[in-house]
Amino acid sequence: ITSRGDGDVSISTITSTSGNVVISSDDDGVATMSDGGGAIIDALTGEAANITSGGSSLLTLASGSGIGASDDIDTTVVNLTARTVTSGNIIIQETSVLVIAGTGVTTAGGGSVNIDVDAGNLTVDAVVTANAAGTVTLNADSGTIAINFAVSSTTGAIAVSGDVITQDANISTGGTAAVAVTDGRESCCHATSEVAVGGTHSGIDHVCRDARTRLCARVSRIER
């Protein structure tokens, strides 16, 4: 299923049993953005899924100026790639297991990334990047977050939260923005990294500032 619009694209309900879904706003019809002004918008009043796809299908979202920026795009999909090319946030709420795949999730113009998985694991198998001071928030309400590919912001804060967190790729931001990694256990985070203020993190499991949250307010990089 492919849906393109020269301007905003409002989504009520799209369902694919096994095929890929492609949605692009502000599209000039030749796979490029025309003037950077179109957004992908949730047209439903409730929190029912806007986009549902099964099997190993890939959902591709491309927008000039935001994806779910005013009201999150609700999904029940398997694999996701999303990008903005001019500005705007990317806000996705997924009902179950989600894999960041393909070319990843990226913003432009200071846009933030916020991905929340209601039930199941969130696996980062492709880059997640927020431009400029845009923040990155990754949350699995009742599952594991597996960081297998770089998660970064130019200068914005990064927050990763799940029942269990495994880290096999770098998490980084510039300046003095905060990096917070929280898991659901009282013992500590399950990221394979060691807190080292002002430097890098590497090597040792279960090293945190307190029992529930590792908050590195002055740390700009976490390395596996």
C-alpha atoms as a PDB file:
ATOM      1  CA  ILE A   1       0.000   0.000   0.000  1.00  0.00           C
ATOM      2  CA  THR A   2       1.352   3.404  -0.989  1.00  0.00           C
ATOM      3  CA  SER A   3      -0.219   6.751  -0.064  1.00  0.00           C
ATOM      4  CA  ARG A   4       1.333  10.026  -1.207  1.00  0.00           C
ATOM      5  CA  GLY A   5       0.124  13.595  -0.947  1.00  0.00           C
ATOM      6  CA  ASP A   6       1.380  17.002  -2.068  1.00  0.00           C
ATOM      7  CA  GLY A   7       0.915  18.555   1.365  1.00  0.00           C
ATOM      8  CA  ASP A   8      -0.432  17.094   4.614  1.00  0.00           C
ATOM      9  CA  VAL A   9      -1.572  13.473   4.661  1.00  0.00           C
ATOM     10  CA  SER A  10      -4.249  12.618   7.247  1.00  0.00           C
ATOM     11  CA  ILE A  11      -4.552   8.948   8.199  1.00  0.00           C
ATOM     12  CA  SER A  12      -7.629   7.303   9.626  1.00  0.00           C
ATOM     13  CA  THR A  13      -7.138   3.544   9.102  1.00  0.00           C
ATOM     14  CA  ILE A  14      -4.807   1.656   6.759  1.00  0.00           C
ATOM     15  CA  THR A  15      -4.521  -2.153   6.940  1.00  0.00           C
ATOM     16  CA  SER A  16      -2.187  -4.524   5.112  1.00  0.00           C
ATOM     17  CA  THR A  17      -2.138  -8.239   5.918  1.00  0.00           C
ATOM     18  CA  SER A  18       1.453  -8.819   4.783  1.00  0.00           C
ATOM     19  CA  GLY A  19       2.651  -6.159   2.333  1.00  0.00           C
ATOM     20  CA  ASN A  20       4.778  -3.093   2.930  1.00  0.00           C
ATOM     21  CA  VAL A  21       3.106   0.256   3.632  1.00  0.00           C
ATOM     22  CA  VAL A  22       4.567   3.554   2.368  1.00  0.00           C
ATOM     23  CA  ILE A  23       3.117   6.921   3.387  1.00  0.00           C
ATOM     24  CA  SER A  24       4.704  10.208   2.324  1.00  0.00           C
ATOM     25  CA  SER A  25       3.454  13.765   2.714  1.00  0.00           C
ATOM     26  CA  ASP A  26       4.509  16.820   0.695  1.00  0.00           C
ATOM     27  CA  ASP A  27       5.433  14.436  -2.122  1.00  0.00           C
ATOM     28  CA  ASP A  28       5.920  15.665  -5.682  1.00  0.00           C
ATOM     29  CA  GLY A  29       5.412  12.193  -7.142  1.00  0.00           C
ATOM     30  CA  VAL A  30       9.039  11.465  -7.995  1.00  0.00           C
ATOM     31  CA  ALA A  31      10.215  10.215  -4.586  1.00  0.00           C
ATOM     32  CA  THR A  32      11.374  13.652  -3.398  1.00  0.00           C
ATOM     33  CA  MET A  33       9.815  16.256  -1.138  1.00  0.00           C
ATOM     34  CA  SER A  34       8.403  19.315  -2.915  1.00  0.00           C
ATOM     35  CA  ASP A  35       8.576  22.212  -0.426  1.00  0.00           C
ATOM     36  CA  GLY A  36       9.066  20.600   2.983  1.00  0.00           C
ATOM     37  CA  GLY A  37       5.681  21.667   4.320  1.00  0.00           C
ATOM     38  CA  GLY A  38       3.574  18.518   4.538  1.00  0.00           C
ATOM     39  CA  ALA A  39       2.942  16.525   7.727  1.00  0.00           C
ATOM     40  CA  ILE A  40       1.551  13.046   8.426  1.00  0.00           C
ATOM     41  CA  ILE A  41      -1.433  13.503  10.743  1.00  0.00           C
ATOM     42  CA  ASP A  42      -3.588  11.209  12.894  1.00  0.00           C
ATOM     43  CA  ALA A  43      -7.183  11.743  11.717  1.00  0.00           C
ATOM     44  CA  LEU A  44      -8.761   9.557  14.447  1.00  0.00           C
ATOM     45  CA  THR A  45     -10.068  10.979  17.704  1.00  0.00           C
ATOM     46  CA  GLY A  46      -9.146   7.912  19.783  1.00  0.00           C
ATOM     47  CA  GLU A  47      -6.069   5.719  20.111  1.00  0.00           C
ATOM     48  CA  ALA A  48      -7.048   2.975  17.655  1.00  0.00           C
ATOM     49  CA  ALA A  49      -4.300   1.952  15.238  1.00  0.00           C
ATOM     50  CA  ASN A  50      -3.927   4.218  12.220  1.00  0.00           C
ATOM     51  CA  ILE A  51      -1.726   1.692  10.429  1.00  0.00           C
ATOM     52  CA  THR A  52      -1.793  -2.100  10.761  1.00  0.00           C
ATOM     53  CA  SER A  53       0.450  -4.498   8.861  1.00  0.00           C
ATOM     54  CA  GLY A  54       1.465  -8.103   9.412  1.00  0.00           C
ATOM     55  CA  GLY A  55       4.156 -10.592   8.510  1.00  0.00           C
ATOM     56  CA  SER A  56       7.626  -9.153   8.021  1.00  0.00           C
ATOM     57  CA  SER A  57       6.323  -6.015   6.319  1.00  0.00           C
ATOM     58  CA  LEU A  58       7.973  -2.609   6.587  1.00  0.00           C
ATOM     59  CA  LEU A  59       6.162   0.645   7.352  1.00  0.00           C
ATOM     60  CA  THR A  60       7.893   3.624   5.723  1.00  0.00           C
ATOM     61  CA  LEU A  61       6.869   7.132   6.779  1.00  0.00           C
ATOM     62  CA  ALA A  62       8.375  10.188   5.065  1.00  0.00           C
ATOM     63  CA  SER A  63       7.325  13.743   5.818  1.00  0.00           C
ATOM     64  CA  GLY A  64       8.351  17.316   5.236  1.00  0.00           C
ATOM     65  CA  SER A  65       7.259  18.728   8.593  1.00  0.00           C
ATOM     66  CA  GLY A  66       6.403  16.072  11.158  1.00  0.00           C
ATOM     67  CA  ILE A  67       4.919  12.629  11.726  1.00  0.00           C
ATOM     68  CA  GLY A  68       2.278  12.510  14.460  1.00  0.00           C
ATOM     69  CA  ALA A  69       3.666  15.781  15.809  1.00  0.00           C
ATOM     70  CA  SER A  70       0.328  17.046  17.163  1.00  0.00           C
ATOM     71  CA  ASP A  71      -1.213  13.607  17.932  1.00  0.00           C
ATOM     72  CA  ASP A  72       0.884  10.439  17.810  1.00  0.00           C
ATOM     73  CA  ILE A  73       0.553   8.008  14.914  1.00  0.00           C
ATOM     74  CA  ASP A  74      -0.794   4.749  16.353  1.00  0.00           C
ATOM     75  CA  THR A  75       0.556   1.582  14.773  1.00  0.00           C
ATOM     76  CA  THR A  76       0.346  -2.185  14.920  1.00  0.00           C
ATOM     77  CA  VAL A  77       3.255  -3.067  12.669  1.00  0.00           C
ATOM     78  CA  VAL A  78       6.473  -5.096  12.714  1.00  0.00           C
ATOM     79  CA  ASN A  79       9.200  -2.949  11.144  1.00  0.00           C
ATOM     80  CA  LEU A  80       9.422   0.844  10.968  1.00  0.00           C
ATOM     81  CA  THR A  81      11.490   3.441   9.147  1.00  0.00           C
ATOM     82  CA  ALA A  82      10.602   7.140   9.336  1.00  0.00           C
ATOM     83  CA  ARG A  83      12.122  10.506   8.490  1.00  0.00           C
ATOM     84  CA  THR A  84      11.413  14.209   8.274  1.00  0.00           C
ATOM     85  CA  VAL A  85      13.321  16.312   5.769  1.00  0.00           C
ATOM     86  CA  THR A  86      12.675  19.885   6.952  1.00  0.00           C
ATOM     87  CA  SER A  87      11.325  20.024  10.507  1.00  0.00           C
ATOM     88  CA  GLY A  88       8.873  18.490  12.945  1.00  0.00           C
ATOM     89  CA  ASN A  89       8.762  15.689  15.480  1.00  0.00           C
ATOM     90  CA  ILE A  90       8.251  11.972  14.899  1.00  0.00           C
ATOM     91  CA  ILE A  91       5.897  10.507  17.506  1.00  0.00           C
ATOM     92  CA  ILE A  92       4.850   6.854  17.211  1.00  0.00           C
ATOM     93  CA  GLN A  93       2.797   4.723  19.590  1.00  0.00           C
ATOM     94  CA  GLU A  94       3.024   1.003  18.795  1.00  0.00           C
ATOM     95  CA  THR A  95       0.753  -1.631  20.319  1.00  0.00           C
ATOM     96  CA  SER A  96       3.189  -4.569  20.256  1.00  0.00           C
ATOM     97  CA  VAL A  97       6.687  -5.656  19.185  1.00  0.00           C
ATOM     98  CA  LEU A  98       8.506  -3.109  16.996  1.00  0.00           C
ATOM     99  CA  VAL A  99      11.816  -3.153  15.104  1.00  0.00           C
ATOM    100  CA  ILE A 100      13.500   0.030  13.871  1.00  0.00           C
ATOM    101  CA  ALA A 101      14.668  -1.138  10.462  1.00  0.00           C
ATOM    102  CA  GLY A 102      15.621   0.014   6.970  1.00  0.00           C
ATOM    103  CA  THR A 103      17.152   3.498   7.028  1.00  0.00           C
ATOM    104  CA  GLY A 104      16.090   4.039  10.637  1.00  0.00           C
ATOM    105  CA  VAL A 105      14.290   6.997  12.205  1.00  0.00           C
ATOM    106  CA  THR A 106      15.725  10.470  11.606  1.00  0.00           C
ATOM    107  CA  THR A 107      14.581  14.072  11.958  1.00  0.00           C
ATOM    108  CA  ALA A 108      15.628  17.426  10.529  1.00  0.00           C
ATOM    109  CA  GLY A 109      15.324  21.012  11.754  1.00  0.00           C
ATOM    110  CA  GLY A 110      15.515  20.210  15.467  1.00  0.00           C
ATOM    111  CA  GLY A 111      12.723  17.644  15.435  1.00  0.00           C
ATOM    112  CA  SER A 112      12.467  15.099  18.260  1.00  0.00           C
ATOM    113  CA  VAL A 113      11.906  11.330  18.142  1.00  0.00           C
ATOM    114  CA  ASN A 114       9.463   9.685  20.548  1.00  0.00           C
ATOM    115  CA  ILE A 115       8.663   5.982  20.134  1.00  0.00           C
ATOM    116  CA  ASP A 116       6.542   4.160  22.706  1.00  0.00           C
ATOM    117  CA  VAL A 117       5.733   0.436  22.619  1.00  0.00           C
ATOM    118  CA  ASP A 118       2.720  -0.519  24.730  1.00  0.00           C
ATOM    119  CA  ALA A 119       3.368  -4.271  25.031  1.00  0.00           C
ATOM    120  CA  GLY A 120       6.438  -6.105  23.767  1.00  0.00           C
ATOM    121  CA  ASN A 121      10.020  -5.429  22.813  1.00  0.00           C
ATOM    122  CA  LEU A 122      11.544  -2.486  20.969  1.00  0.00           C
ATOM    123  CA  THR A 123      14.583  -3.432  18.889  1.00  0.00           C
ATOM    124  CA  VAL A 124      16.818  -0.781  17.362  1.00  0.00           C
ATOM    125  CA  ASP A 125      18.351  -2.414  14.281  1.00  0.00           C
ATOM    126  CA  ALA A 126      18.917   0.862  12.416  1.00  0.00           C
ATOM    127  CA  VAL A 127      19.998   4.370  13.323  1.00  0.00           C
ATOM    128  CA  VAL A 128      17.802   6.614  15.492  1.00  0.00           C
ATOM    129  CA  THR A 129      18.903  10.248  15.195  1.00  0.00           C
ATOM    130  CA  ALA A 130      17.391  13.573  16.249  1.00  0.00           C
ATOM    131  CA  ASN A 131      18.741  16.699  14.591  1.00  0.00           C
ATOM    132  CA  ALA A 132      20.119  19.725  16.494  1.00  0.00           C
ATOM    133  CA  ALA A 133      18.490  20.045  19.946  1.00  0.00           C
ATOM    134  CA  GLY A 134      15.817  17.468  19.170  1.00  0.00           C
ATOM    135  CA  THR A 135      15.411  14.865  21.906  1.00  0.00           C
ATOM    136  CA  VAL A 136      15.190  11.076  21.610  1.00  0.00           C
ATOM    137  CA  THR A 137      12.767   9.095  23.789  1.00  0.00           C
ATOM    138  CA  LEU A 138      12.513   5.316  23.446  1.00  0.00           C
ATOM    139  CA  ASN A 139      10.126   3.490  25.764  1.00  0.00           C
ATOM    140  CA  ALA A 140       8.884  -0.088  26.098  1.00  0.00           C
ATOM    141  CA  ASP A 141       6.102  -0.169  28.679  1.00  0.00           C
ATOM    142  CA  SER A 142       6.449  -3.917  29.328  1.00  0.00           C
ATOM    143  CA  GLY A 143       9.354  -5.290  27.330  1.00  0.00           C
ATOM    144  CA  THR A 144      13.031  -5.203  26.471  1.00  0.00           C
ATOM    145  CA  ILE A 145      14.746  -2.446  24.526  1.00  0.00           C
ATOM    146  CA  ALA A 146      17.660  -3.784  22.495  1.00  0.00           C
ATOM    147  CA  ILE A 147      20.049  -1.082  21.278  1.00  0.00           C
ATOM    148  CA  ASN A 148      21.801  -2.764  18.345  1.00  0.00           C
ATOM    149  CA  PHE A 149      22.454   0.388  16.339  1.00  0.00           C
ATOM    150  CA  ALA A 150      23.509   3.940  17.174  1.00  0.00           C
ATOM    151  CA  VAL A 151      21.063   6.210  19.001  1.00  0.00           C
ATOM    152  CA  SER A 152      22.016   9.885  18.928  1.00  0.00           C
ATOM    153  CA  SER A 153      21.079  13.551  18.990  1.00  0.00           C
ATOM    154  CA  THR A 154      23.223  16.473  17.944  1.00  0.00           C
ATOM    155  CA  THR A 155      22.746  18.273  21.277  1.00  0.00           C
ATOM    156  CA  GLY A 156      19.400  17.032  22.668  1.00  0.00           C
ATOM    157  CA  ALA A 157      18.669  14.825  25.660  1.00  0.00           C
ATOM    158  CA  ILE A 158      18.191  11.058  25.262  1.00  0.00           C
ATOM    159  CA  ALA A 159      15.958   8.847  27.417  1.00  0.00           C
ATOM    160  CA  VAL A 160      15.677   5.054  27.087  1.00  0.00           C
ATOM    161  CA  SER A 161      13.247   3.180  29.338  1.00  0.00           C
ATOM    162  CA  GLY A 162      12.096  -0.455  29.459  1.00  0.00           C
ATOM    163  CA  ASP A 163      11.803  -3.504  31.699  1.00  0.00           C
ATOM    164  CA  VAL A 164      15.245  -4.619  30.485  1.00  0.00           C
ATOM    165  CA  ILE A 165      17.720  -2.720  28.316  1.00  0.00           C
ATOM    166  CA  THR A 166      20.560  -4.298  26.361  1.00  0.00           C
ATOM    167  CA  GLN A 167      23.108  -2.045  24.718  1.00  0.00           C
ATOM    168  CA  ASP A 168      25.315  -3.226  21.862  1.00  0.00           C
ATOM    169  CA  ALA A 169      25.775   0.131  20.124  1.00  0.00           C
ATOM    170  CA  ASN A 170      26.604   3.690  21.102  1.00  0.00           C
ATOM    171  CA  ILE A 171      24.212   6.226  22.606  1.00  0.00           C
ATOM    172  CA  SER A 172      25.523   9.750  22.143  1.00  0.00           C
ATOM    173  CA  THR A 173      24.634  13.425  22.310  1.00  0.00           C
ATOM    174  CA  GLY A 174      26.654  16.634  22.186  1.00  0.00           C
ATOM    175  CA  GLY A 175      27.023  19.432  24.676  1.00  0.00           C
ATOM    176  CA  THR A 176      25.845  18.842  28.248  1.00  0.00           C
ATOM    177  CA  ALA A 177      22.469  17.249  27.440  1.00  0.00           C
ATOM    178  CA  ALA A 178      21.309  14.454  29.737  1.00  0.00           C
ATOM    179  CA  VAL A 179      21.414  10.769  28.883  1.00  0.00           C
ATOM    180  CA  ALA A 180      19.069   8.659  31.027  1.00  0.00           C
ATOM    181  CA  VAL A 181      18.687   4.872  30.857  1.00  0.00           C
ATOM    182  CA  THR A 182      16.079   3.290  33.107  1.00  0.00           C
ATOM    183  CA  ASP A 183      15.026  -0.325  33.508  1.00  0.00           C
ATOM    184  CA  GLY A 184      12.254  -1.865  35.580  1.00  0.00           C
ATOM    185  CA  ARG A 185      14.422  -3.686  38.074  1.00  0.00           C
ATOM    186  CA  GLU A 186      15.354  -2.344  41.483  1.00  0.00           C
ATOM    187  CA  SER A 187      18.896  -3.665  41.036  1.00  0.00           C
ATOM    188  CA  CYS A 188      20.001  -1.464  38.140  1.00  0.00           C
ATOM    189  CA  CYS A 189      20.165  -0.883  34.419  1.00  0.00           C
ATOM    190  CA  HIS A 190      20.945  -3.824  32.168  1.00  0.00           C
ATOM    191  CA  ALA A 191      22.955  -1.798  29.703  1.00  0.00           C
ATOM    192  CA  THR A 192      26.465  -3.071  29.055  1.00  0.00           C
ATOM    193  CA  SER A 193      28.108   0.192  30.032  1.00  0.00           C
ATOM    194  CA  GLU A 194      29.919   1.809  32.904  1.00  0.00           C
ATOM    195  CA  VAL A 195      29.234   5.345  34.117  1.00  0.00           C
ATOM    196  CA  ALA A 196      32.213   7.632  33.613  1.00  0.00           C
ATOM    197  CA  VAL A 197      31.285  11.288  34.009  1.00  0.00           C
ATOM    198  CA  GLY A 198      32.606  13.430  31.185  1.00  0.00           C
ATOM    199  CA  GLY A 199      33.937  10.449  29.266  1.00  0.00           C
ATOM    200  CA  THR A 200      32.845   7.154  27.790  1.00  0.00           C
ATOM    201  CA  HIS A 201      31.015   4.154  29.171  1.00  0.00           C
ATOM    202  CA  SER A 202      32.218   0.654  28.445  1.00  0.00           C
ATOM    203  CA  GLY A 203      32.553  -2.836  29.700  1.00  0.00           C
ATOM    204  CA  ILE A 204      30.647  -3.570  32.913  1.00  0.00           C
ATOM    205  CA  ASP A 205      27.005  -4.522  33.488  1.00  0.00           C
ATOM    206  CA  HIS A 206      24.838  -3.077  36.239  1.00  0.00           C
ATOM    207  CA  VAL A 207      26.609   0.174  37.067  1.00  0.00           C
ATOM    208  CA  CYS A 208      24.166   2.966  37.952  1.00  0.00           C
ATOM    209  CA  ARG A 209      23.863   6.151  39.933  1.00  0.00           C
ATOM    210  CA  ASP A 210      20.909   4.788  41.916  1.00  0.00           C
ATOM    211  CA  ALA A 211      18.733   1.708  42.099  1.00  0.00           C
ATOM    212  CA  ARG A 212      16.298   2.615  39.347  1.00  0.00           C
ATOM    213  CA  THR A 213      17.851   5.150  36.978  1.00  0.00           C
ATOM    214  CA  ARG A 214      21.222   5.889  35.493  1.00  0.00           C
ATOM    215  CA  LEU A 215      21.167   9.643  34.881  1.00  0.00           C
ATOM    216  CA  CYS A 216      24.351  11.105  33.408  1.00  0.00           C
ATOM    217  CA  ALA A 217      23.576  14.788  33.386  1.00  0.00           C
ATOM    218  CA  ARG A 218      26.988  15.798  32.083  1.00  0.00           C
ATOM    219  CA  VAL A 219      27.873  12.747  30.033  1.00  0.00           C
ATOM    220  CA  SER A 220      27.751  13.225  26.283  1.00  0.00           C
ATOM    221  CA  ARG A 221      28.354   9.661  25.122  1.00  0.00           C
ATOM    222  CA  ILE A 222      27.699   6.072  26.059  1.00  0.00           C
ATOM    223  CA  GLU A 223      29.762   3.481  24.228  1.00  0.00           C
ATOM    224  CA  ARG A 224      29.236  -0.241  24.240  1.00  0.00           C
END
